[in-house]
Amino acid sequence: MLEHALAESTFAGLKNELVSRHSWRTKAATRSAIFEYIEGWWRASTAPPTSATC
């Protein structure tokens, strides 16, 4: 059940932040934009914490 909530939340964010604000001329451009959005979100969520006291 938790997996469904996570998926719904992720796709709701994708829809609100990306899809509802843009339009693309081709399916390839749409796929590319969605891929870049997901890739950026994934990298930000899995990045190791940085230390400001190095």
N, C-alpha and C. Protein backbone atom coordinates (compact mmCIF):
# COMPACT_ATOMS: atom_id res chain seq x y z
N MET A 1 0.82 -1.20 0.00
CA MET A 1 0.00 0.00 0.00
C MET A 1 0.86 1.26 0.00
N LEU A 2 1.96 1.23 0.73
CA LEU A 2 2.86 2.38 0.79
C LEU A 2 3.46 2.68 -0.58
N GLU A 3 3.76 1.62 -1.35
CA GLU A 3 4.33 1.81 -2.67
C GLU A 3 3.37 2.58 -3.57
N HIS A 4 2.08 2.29 -3.46
CA HIS A 4 1.09 2.98 -4.27
C HIS A 4 1.03 4.45 -3.91
N ALA A 5 1.09 4.77 -2.64
CA ALA A 5 1.05 6.16 -2.21
C ALA A 5 2.28 6.91 -2.72
N LEU A 6 3.43 6.27 -2.67
CA LEU A 6 4.65 6.89 -3.17
C LEU A 6 4.56 7.15 -4.67
N ALA A 7 4.08 6.17 -5.41
CA ALA A 7 3.93 6.32 -6.86
C ALA A 7 2.94 7.43 -7.19
N GLU A 8 1.82 7.46 -6.50
CA GLU A 8 0.82 8.49 -6.73
C GLU A 8 1.37 9.87 -6.42
N SER A 9 2.11 9.99 -5.35
CA SER A 9 2.72 11.27 -4.98
C SER A 9 3.74 11.71 -6.02
N THR A 10 4.55 10.78 -6.47
CA THR A 10 5.57 11.09 -7.47
C THR A 10 4.94 11.57 -8.77
N PHE A 11 3.93 10.85 -9.25
CA PHE A 11 3.29 11.23 -10.50
C PHE A 11 2.47 12.51 -10.36
N ALA A 12 1.90 12.77 -9.19
CA ALA A 12 1.19 14.02 -8.96
C ALA A 12 2.17 15.19 -9.02
N GLY A 13 3.34 15.02 -8.43
CA GLY A 13 4.36 16.07 -8.49
C GLY A 13 4.83 16.30 -9.90
N LEU A 14 5.06 15.23 -10.64
CA LEU A 14 5.48 15.34 -12.03
C LEU A 14 4.43 16.10 -12.84
N LYS A 15 3.19 15.76 -12.64
CA LYS A 15 2.11 16.41 -13.38
C LYS A 15 2.03 17.90 -13.03
N ASN A 16 2.08 18.22 -11.74
CA ASN A 16 1.95 19.62 -11.31
C ASN A 16 3.15 20.47 -11.69
N GLU A 17 4.35 19.92 -11.55
CA GLU A 17 5.56 20.71 -11.77
C GLU A 17 6.01 20.77 -13.22
N LEU A 18 5.69 19.77 -14.00
CA LEU A 18 6.23 19.72 -15.36
C LEU A 18 5.14 19.71 -16.43
N VAL A 19 4.31 18.72 -16.40
CA VAL A 19 3.38 18.50 -17.50
C VAL A 19 2.34 19.61 -17.61
N SER A 20 1.82 20.08 -16.50
CA SER A 20 0.77 21.11 -16.53
C SER A 20 1.30 22.48 -16.96
N ARG A 21 2.61 22.68 -16.89
CA ARG A 21 3.19 23.99 -17.19
C ARG A 21 3.81 24.10 -18.59
N HIS A 22 3.90 22.99 -19.30
CA HIS A 22 4.57 22.99 -20.60
C HIS A 22 3.76 22.22 -21.64
N SER A 23 4.08 22.48 -22.89
CA SER A 23 3.55 21.65 -23.97
C SER A 23 4.70 21.39 -24.93
N TRP A 24 4.69 20.24 -25.53
CA TRP A 24 5.75 19.84 -26.44
C TRP A 24 5.14 19.47 -27.78
N ARG A 25 5.93 19.63 -28.83
CA ARG A 25 5.44 19.35 -30.17
C ARG A 25 5.48 17.87 -30.51
N THR A 26 6.40 17.12 -29.92
CA THR A 26 6.53 15.70 -30.28
C THR A 26 6.54 14.83 -29.03
N LYS A 27 6.23 13.56 -29.23
CA LYS A 27 6.31 12.61 -28.12
C LYS A 27 7.74 12.46 -27.64
N ALA A 28 8.69 12.52 -28.57
CA ALA A 28 10.10 12.39 -28.19
C ALA A 28 10.53 13.54 -27.28
N ALA A 29 10.09 14.74 -27.57
CA ALA A 29 10.43 15.88 -26.72
C ALA A 29 9.79 15.74 -25.34
N THR A 30 8.56 15.23 -25.31
CA THR A 30 7.87 15.00 -24.04
C THR A 30 8.60 13.96 -23.22
N ARG A 31 8.96 12.85 -23.85
CA ARG A 31 9.70 11.79 -23.16
C ARG A 31 11.01 12.31 -22.61
N SER A 32 11.72 13.08 -23.40
CA SER A 32 13.01 13.62 -22.98
C SER A 32 12.85 14.53 -21.76
N ALA A 33 11.84 15.40 -21.77
CA ALA A 33 11.61 16.31 -20.65
C ALA A 33 11.25 15.53 -19.38
N ILE A 34 10.42 14.53 -19.52
CA ILE A 34 10.03 13.72 -18.36
C ILE A 34 11.23 12.95 -17.82
N PHE A 35 12.03 12.39 -18.72
CA PHE A 35 13.23 11.67 -18.30
C PHE A 35 14.16 12.60 -17.53
N GLU A 36 14.40 13.79 -18.06
CA GLU A 36 15.29 14.75 -17.39
C GLU A 36 14.74 15.15 -16.02
N TYR A 37 13.43 15.32 -15.92
CA TYR A 37 12.81 15.67 -14.64
C TYR A 37 13.04 14.56 -13.62
N ILE A 38 12.76 13.32 -14.02
CA ILE A 38 12.91 12.18 -13.11
C ILE A 38 14.38 11.99 -12.75
N GLU A 39 15.26 12.09 -13.72
CA GLU A 39 16.69 11.92 -13.48
C GLU A 39 17.20 12.97 -12.48
N GLY A 40 16.78 14.22 -12.66
CA GLY A 40 17.18 15.28 -11.73
C GLY A 40 16.64 15.05 -10.34
N TRP A 41 15.38 14.62 -10.25
CA TRP A 41 14.79 14.34 -8.94
C TRP A 41 15.52 13.18 -8.27
N TRP A 42 15.82 12.14 -9.03
CA TRP A 42 16.49 10.96 -8.47
C TRP A 42 17.88 11.32 -7.97
N ARG A 43 18.64 12.06 -8.76
CA ARG A 43 19.99 12.44 -8.34
C ARG A 43 19.97 13.29 -7.09
N ALA A 44 19.02 14.20 -7.00
CA ALA A 44 18.92 15.06 -5.82
C ALA A 44 18.53 14.25 -4.58
N SER A 45 17.68 13.25 -4.76
CA SER A 45 17.21 12.48 -3.60
C SER A 45 18.24 11.43 -3.16
N THR A 46 19.18 11.05 -4.02
CA THR A 46 20.14 10.03 -3.66
C THR A 46 21.55 10.58 -3.48
N ALA A 47 21.70 11.89 -3.59
CA ALA A 47 23.03 12.49 -3.44
C ALA A 47 23.51 12.36 -1.99
N PRO A 48 24.77 12.07 -1.82
CA PRO A 48 25.28 12.00 -0.45
C PRO A 48 25.29 13.39 0.19
N PRO A 49 25.10 13.45 1.47
CA PRO A 49 25.11 14.76 2.13
C PRO A 49 26.49 15.41 2.02
N THR A 50 26.48 16.71 1.87
CA THR A 50 27.74 17.44 1.78
C THR A 50 28.06 18.05 3.14
N SER A 51 29.32 18.18 3.41
CA SER A 51 29.75 18.76 4.69
C SER A 51 30.34 20.14 4.42
N ALA A 52 29.85 21.13 5.13
CA ALA A 52 30.34 22.50 4.97
C ALA A 52 31.60 22.75 5.79
N THR A 53 32.01 21.79 6.60
CA THR A 53 33.17 21.98 7.49
C THR A 53 34.37 21.18 7.03
N CYS A 54 34.61 21.11 5.74
CA CYS A 54 35.75 20.33 5.24
C CYS A 54 37.03 21.11 5.33
